[in-house]
């Protein structure tokens, strides 16, 4: 994926409610033609979805990032599941007792091996 396509995807992902394609090219500071090519690439790769949208009577598109399955390797360390998955505690990651305990247990397991 090109840097411009990555930048476009990051902008779209940062707007969970979606971003208008007519606004995206302004945010990226590219012309509308280049923006259309970037959006087509993201659509073809299945990274975004596009819904027709009318703004002040003018047709445009609302772009939203598609939800992709989470790679299990991103939430596992060894055979241990990261405790933050599904956690409903509002905490500071640096001081989270569950996360610190989990990290401590991982360190002990690595030393024993």
N, C-alpha and C. Protein backbone atom coordinates (compact mmCIF):
# COMPACT_ATOMS: atom_id res chain seq x y z
N UNK A 1 0.86 -1.17 0.00
CA UNK A 1 0.00 0.00 0.00
C UNK A 1 0.91 1.24 0.00
N UNK A 2 0.58 2.22 -0.81
CA UNK A 2 1.39 3.43 -0.88
C UNK A 2 1.19 4.27 0.38
N UNK A 3 2.15 5.16 0.60
CA UNK A 3 2.06 6.04 1.78
C UNK A 3 0.77 6.85 1.75
N UNK A 4 0.39 7.36 0.59
CA UNK A 4 -0.85 8.15 0.49
C UNK A 4 -2.07 7.32 0.84
N UNK A 5 -2.09 6.06 0.40
CA UNK A 5 -3.21 5.18 0.73
C UNK A 5 -3.23 4.88 2.22
N UNK A 6 -2.05 4.70 2.81
CA UNK A 6 -1.97 4.49 4.26
C UNK A 6 -2.47 5.71 5.02
N UNK A 7 -2.09 6.89 4.55
CA UNK A 7 -2.55 8.13 5.18
C UNK A 7 -4.07 8.25 5.09
N UNK A 8 -4.62 7.93 3.92
CA UNK A 8 -6.06 7.99 3.74
C UNK A 8 -6.76 7.01 4.67
N UNK A 9 -6.23 5.80 4.78
CA UNK A 9 -6.83 4.80 5.66
C UNK A 9 -6.78 5.27 7.11
N UNK A 10 -5.68 5.86 7.54
CA UNK A 10 -5.57 6.35 8.91
C UNK A 10 -6.61 7.42 9.20
N UNK A 11 -6.83 8.32 8.24
CA UNK A 11 -7.84 9.37 8.43
C UNK A 11 -9.21 8.73 8.55
N UNK A 12 -9.52 7.79 7.67
CA UNK A 12 -10.83 7.13 7.69
C UNK A 12 -11.01 6.36 9.00
N UNK A 13 -9.98 5.65 9.44
CA UNK A 13 -10.06 4.90 10.68
C UNK A 13 -10.23 5.81 11.89
N UNK A 14 -9.73 7.03 11.80
CA UNK A 14 -9.84 7.96 12.93
C UNK A 14 -11.22 8.57 13.06
N UNK A 15 -12.09 8.30 12.10
CA UNK A 15 -13.48 8.77 12.13
C UNK A 15 -14.41 7.56 12.14
N UNK A 16 -14.68 6.96 13.30
CA UNK A 16 -15.50 5.75 13.35
C UNK A 16 -16.88 5.93 12.72
N UNK A 17 -17.41 7.17 12.76
CA UNK A 17 -18.71 7.43 12.16
C UNK A 17 -18.61 7.59 10.65
N UNK A 18 -17.39 7.67 10.14
CA UNK A 18 -17.17 7.81 8.71
C UNK A 18 -16.70 9.22 8.36
N UNK A 19 -16.09 9.34 7.20
CA UNK A 19 -15.63 10.64 6.70
C UNK A 19 -16.13 10.77 5.26
N UNK A 20 -16.57 11.96 4.91
CA UNK A 20 -17.05 12.18 3.55
C UNK A 20 -15.86 12.21 2.59
N UNK A 21 -16.04 11.55 1.44
CA UNK A 21 -14.97 11.54 0.46
C UNK A 21 -14.65 12.96 0.01
N UNK A 22 -15.67 13.81 -0.06
CA UNK A 22 -15.45 15.20 -0.46
C UNK A 22 -14.65 15.98 0.58
N UNK A 23 -14.57 15.47 1.81
CA UNK A 23 -13.76 16.10 2.85
C UNK A 23 -12.37 15.45 2.92
N UNK A 24 -12.30 14.17 2.58
CA UNK A 24 -11.04 13.43 2.68
C UNK A 24 -9.95 14.06 1.84
N UNK A 25 -10.26 14.43 0.61
CA UNK A 25 -9.21 14.98 -0.24
C UNK A 25 -8.71 16.32 0.30
N UNK A 26 -9.57 17.06 1.00
CA UNK A 26 -9.14 18.32 1.61
C UNK A 26 -8.22 18.04 2.81
N UNK A 27 -8.60 17.05 3.60
CA UNK A 27 -7.79 16.68 4.77
C UNK A 27 -6.40 16.22 4.33
N UNK A 28 -6.37 15.41 3.26
CA UNK A 28 -5.10 14.86 2.77
C UNK A 28 -4.31 15.87 1.94
N UNK A 29 -4.97 16.99 1.59
CA UNK A 29 -4.36 18.01 0.74
C UNK A 29 -3.92 17.44 -0.60
N UNK A 30 -4.84 16.68 -1.22
CA UNK A 30 -4.65 16.16 -2.58
C UNK A 30 -5.85 16.57 -3.40
N UNK A 31 -5.74 16.46 -4.73
CA UNK A 31 -6.90 16.82 -5.54
C UNK A 31 -7.92 15.69 -5.52
N UNK A 32 -9.13 15.99 -5.95
CA UNK A 32 -10.22 15.02 -5.86
C UNK A 32 -9.95 13.79 -6.73
N UNK A 33 -9.26 13.96 -7.85
CA UNK A 33 -8.94 12.83 -8.73
C UNK A 33 -8.01 11.84 -8.03
N UNK A 34 -6.96 12.36 -7.37
CA UNK A 34 -6.03 11.48 -6.65
C UNK A 34 -6.76 10.80 -5.49
N UNK A 35 -7.61 11.55 -4.81
CA UNK A 35 -8.37 10.98 -3.70
C UNK A 35 -9.24 9.82 -4.19
N UNK A 36 -9.87 9.99 -5.35
CA UNK A 36 -10.71 8.92 -5.91
C UNK A 36 -9.89 7.66 -6.17
N UNK A 37 -8.66 7.83 -6.65
CA UNK A 37 -7.79 6.67 -6.90
C UNK A 37 -7.40 5.99 -5.59
N UNK A 38 -7.12 6.80 -4.56
CA UNK A 38 -6.78 6.23 -3.26
C UNK A 38 -7.95 5.45 -2.68
N UNK A 39 -9.15 6.04 -2.77
CA UNK A 39 -10.35 5.37 -2.25
C UNK A 39 -10.61 4.08 -3.01
N UNK A 40 -10.43 4.10 -4.33
CA UNK A 40 -10.63 2.88 -5.13
C UNK A 40 -9.68 1.78 -4.67
N UNK A 41 -8.42 2.14 -4.40
CA UNK A 41 -7.44 1.16 -3.93
C UNK A 41 -7.88 0.57 -2.59
N UNK A 42 -8.34 1.42 -1.67
CA UNK A 42 -8.78 0.95 -0.36
C UNK A 42 -10.04 0.08 -0.49
N UNK A 43 -10.94 0.46 -1.41
CA UNK A 43 -12.14 -0.35 -1.65
C UNK A 43 -11.76 -1.71 -2.22
N UNK A 44 -10.88 -1.71 -3.22
CA UNK A 44 -10.45 -2.96 -3.85
C UNK A 44 -9.76 -3.89 -2.85
N UNK A 45 -9.04 -3.30 -1.89
CA UNK A 45 -8.36 -4.10 -0.87
C UNK A 45 -9.29 -4.51 0.27
N UNK A 46 -10.55 -4.04 0.22
CA UNK A 46 -11.52 -4.39 1.25
C UNK A 46 -11.29 -3.69 2.58
N UNK A 47 -10.55 -2.58 2.57
CA UNK A 47 -10.23 -1.89 3.81
C UNK A 47 -11.25 -0.84 4.20
N UNK A 48 -12.04 -0.38 3.22
CA UNK A 48 -13.09 0.61 3.51
C UNK A 48 -14.37 0.22 2.80
N UNK A 49 -15.47 0.80 3.29
CA UNK A 49 -16.74 0.67 2.60
C UNK A 49 -17.21 2.06 2.26
N UNK A 50 -18.00 2.18 1.19
CA UNK A 50 -18.44 3.47 0.71
C UNK A 50 -19.95 3.46 0.58
N UNK A 51 -20.59 4.47 1.19
CA UNK A 51 -22.05 4.57 1.16
C UNK A 51 -22.41 5.91 0.53
N UNK A 52 -23.34 5.88 -0.42
CA UNK A 52 -23.77 7.13 -1.05
C UNK A 52 -24.38 8.05 0.00
N UNK A 53 -24.07 9.33 -0.11
CA UNK A 53 -24.49 10.30 0.89
C UNK A 53 -24.78 11.62 0.19
N UNK A 54 -25.83 12.29 0.59
CA UNK A 54 -26.15 13.60 0.02
C UNK A 54 -25.88 14.68 1.05
N UNK A 55 -25.06 15.64 0.67
CA UNK A 55 -24.74 16.77 1.55
C UNK A 55 -25.13 18.04 0.80
N UNK A 56 -26.10 18.75 1.36
CA UNK A 56 -26.61 19.97 0.74
C UNK A 56 -27.02 19.73 -0.70
N UNK A 57 -27.67 18.59 -0.93
CA UNK A 57 -28.17 18.24 -2.26
C UNK A 57 -27.13 17.71 -3.22
N UNK A 58 -25.88 17.65 -2.80
CA UNK A 58 -24.80 17.17 -3.66
C UNK A 58 -24.42 15.76 -3.24
N UNK A 59 -24.32 14.87 -4.25
CA UNK A 59 -23.98 13.48 -3.96
C UNK A 59 -22.49 13.35 -3.67
N UNK A 60 -22.19 12.69 -2.57
CA UNK A 60 -20.82 12.34 -2.21
C UNK A 60 -20.88 10.96 -1.58
N UNK A 61 -19.81 10.53 -0.98
CA UNK A 61 -19.77 9.20 -0.36
C UNK A 61 -19.25 9.30 1.06
N UNK A 62 -19.84 8.51 1.93
CA UNK A 62 -19.36 8.37 3.29
C UNK A 62 -18.45 7.14 3.32
N UNK A 63 -17.25 7.33 3.80
CA UNK A 63 -16.26 6.25 3.84
C UNK A 63 -16.06 5.80 5.28
N UNK A 64 -16.10 4.50 5.48
CA UNK A 64 -15.87 3.91 6.80
C UNK A 64 -14.89 2.76 6.66
N UNK A 65 -14.04 2.62 7.65
CA UNK A 65 -13.11 1.48 7.66
C UNK A 65 -13.92 0.22 7.93
N UNK A 66 -13.59 -0.84 7.22
CA UNK A 66 -14.26 -2.12 7.47
C UNK A 66 -13.64 -2.75 8.70
N UNK A 67 -14.42 -3.51 9.36
CA UNK A 67 -13.89 -4.21 10.54
C UNK A 67 -13.25 -5.50 10.05
N UNK A 68 -12.01 -5.64 10.42
CA UNK A 68 -11.27 -6.83 10.02
C UNK A 68 -11.07 -7.71 11.24
N UNK A 69 -11.03 -9.02 11.05
CA UNK A 69 -10.80 -9.90 12.20
C UNK A 69 -9.45 -9.59 12.84
N UNK A 70 -9.40 -9.70 14.14
CA UNK A 70 -8.17 -9.46 14.88
C UNK A 70 -7.25 -10.65 14.70
N UNK A 71 -6.01 -10.38 14.37
CA UNK A 71 -4.99 -11.42 14.28
C UNK A 71 -4.71 -11.91 15.69
N UNK A 72 -4.95 -13.20 15.98
CA UNK A 72 -4.74 -13.71 17.34
C UNK A 72 -3.32 -13.47 17.86
N UNK A 73 -2.35 -13.39 16.97
CA UNK A 73 -0.98 -13.16 17.41
C UNK A 73 -0.79 -11.78 18.03
N UNK A 74 -1.73 -10.86 17.74
CA UNK A 74 -1.64 -9.52 18.30
C UNK A 74 -2.16 -9.44 19.73
N UNK A 75 -2.91 -10.46 20.16
CA UNK A 75 -3.48 -10.43 21.51
C UNK A 75 -2.97 -11.56 22.39
N UNK A 76 -2.00 -12.32 21.86
CA UNK A 76 -1.42 -13.40 22.63
C UNK A 76 0.06 -13.14 22.87
N UNK A 77 0.53 -13.55 24.00
CA UNK A 77 1.96 -13.56 24.28
C UNK A 77 2.24 -14.97 24.76
N UNK A 78 2.90 -15.73 23.93
CA UNK A 78 3.03 -17.16 24.23
C UNK A 78 1.66 -17.78 24.11
N UNK A 79 1.23 -18.43 25.16
CA UNK A 79 -0.11 -19.02 25.17
C UNK A 79 -1.07 -18.20 26.02
N UNK A 80 -0.61 -17.06 26.53
CA UNK A 80 -1.41 -16.25 27.43
C UNK A 80 -2.12 -15.13 26.68
N UNK A 81 -3.41 -14.99 26.92
CA UNK A 81 -4.21 -13.93 26.34
C UNK A 81 -3.98 -12.63 27.10
N UNK A 82 -3.79 -11.54 26.39
CA UNK A 82 -3.61 -10.23 27.03
C UNK A 82 -4.84 -9.95 27.89
N UNK A 83 -4.66 -9.62 29.16
CA UNK A 83 -5.80 -9.45 30.06
C UNK A 83 -6.69 -8.26 29.72
N UNK A 84 -6.20 -7.35 28.90
CA UNK A 84 -6.98 -6.15 28.56
C UNK A 84 -8.14 -6.48 27.62
N UNK A 85 -8.07 -7.62 26.94
CA UNK A 85 -9.14 -8.01 26.03
C UNK A 85 -10.38 -8.31 26.86
N UNK A 86 -11.41 -7.56 26.62
CA UNK A 86 -12.66 -7.77 27.34
C UNK A 86 -12.71 -7.15 28.72
N UNK A 87 -11.63 -6.48 29.12
CA UNK A 87 -11.58 -5.85 30.44
C UNK A 87 -12.45 -4.60 30.44
N UNK A 88 -13.22 -4.42 31.51
CA UNK A 88 -14.08 -3.24 31.59
C UNK A 88 -13.57 -2.21 32.60
N UNK A 89 -12.37 -2.45 33.14
CA UNK A 89 -11.78 -1.51 34.08
C UNK A 89 -11.25 -0.29 33.32
N UNK A 90 -11.48 0.88 33.86
CA UNK A 90 -10.88 2.08 33.30
C UNK A 90 -9.63 2.36 34.11
N UNK A 91 -8.48 2.10 33.51
CA UNK A 91 -7.24 2.23 34.27
C UNK A 91 -6.14 2.85 33.43
N UNK A 92 -5.07 3.17 34.09
CA UNK A 92 -3.85 3.63 33.45
C UNK A 92 -3.03 2.38 33.16
N UNK A 93 -2.67 2.19 31.90
CA UNK A 93 -1.96 0.97 31.50
C UNK A 93 -0.69 0.77 32.32
N UNK A 94 -0.01 1.84 32.64
CA UNK A 94 1.25 1.73 33.39
C UNK A 94 1.01 1.21 34.81
N UNK A 95 -0.19 1.45 35.36
CA UNK A 95 -0.47 1.06 36.74
C UNK A 95 -1.52 -0.06 36.85
N UNK A 96 -1.93 -0.65 35.75
CA UNK A 96 -3.00 -1.65 35.77
C UNK A 96 -2.53 -2.93 36.49
N UNK A 97 -3.19 -3.30 37.59
CA UNK A 97 -2.75 -4.48 38.33
C UNK A 97 -2.88 -5.77 37.53
N UNK A 98 -3.94 -5.91 36.75
CA UNK A 98 -4.10 -7.14 35.95
C UNK A 98 -3.01 -7.26 34.90
N UNK A 99 -2.71 -6.15 34.22
CA UNK A 99 -1.69 -6.18 33.18
C UNK A 99 -0.31 -6.40 33.77
N UNK A 100 -0.02 -5.74 34.89
CA UNK A 100 1.28 -5.93 35.54
C UNK A 100 1.47 -7.37 36.01
N UNK A 101 0.42 -7.97 36.57
CA UNK A 101 0.50 -9.36 37.02
C UNK A 101 0.74 -10.28 35.83
N UNK A 102 0.04 -10.03 34.73
CA UNK A 102 0.19 -10.83 33.52
C UNK A 102 1.63 -10.73 33.00
N UNK A 103 2.17 -9.51 32.97
CA UNK A 103 3.53 -9.31 32.49
C UNK A 103 4.54 -10.02 33.41
N UNK A 104 4.28 -9.97 34.71
CA UNK A 104 5.14 -10.63 35.69
C UNK A 104 5.13 -12.14 35.46
N UNK A 105 3.93 -12.68 35.23
CA UNK A 105 3.81 -14.12 34.97
C UNK A 105 4.55 -14.53 33.70
N UNK A 106 4.50 -13.68 32.67
CA UNK A 106 5.22 -13.97 31.45
C UNK A 106 6.73 -13.99 31.69
N UNK A 107 7.20 -13.05 32.48
CA UNK A 107 8.63 -12.99 32.79
C UNK A 107 9.07 -14.24 33.54
N UNK A 108 8.26 -14.71 34.50
CA UNK A 108 8.59 -15.92 35.25
C UNK A 108 8.64 -17.12 34.32
N UNK A 109 7.68 -17.23 33.41
CA UNK A 109 7.65 -18.36 32.46
C UNK A 109 8.87 -18.36 31.57
N UNK A 110 9.30 -17.17 31.11
CA UNK A 110 10.46 -17.11 30.24
C UNK A 110 11.73 -17.50 30.98
N UNK A 111 11.84 -17.12 32.24
CA UNK A 111 13.02 -17.46 33.05
C UNK A 111 13.08 -18.96 33.29
N UNK A 112 11.93 -19.58 33.54
CA UNK A 112 11.87 -21.02 33.82
C UNK A 112 12.22 -21.84 32.59
N UNK A 113 11.97 -21.33 31.40
CA UNK A 113 12.22 -22.09 30.17
C UNK A 113 13.64 -22.10 29.86
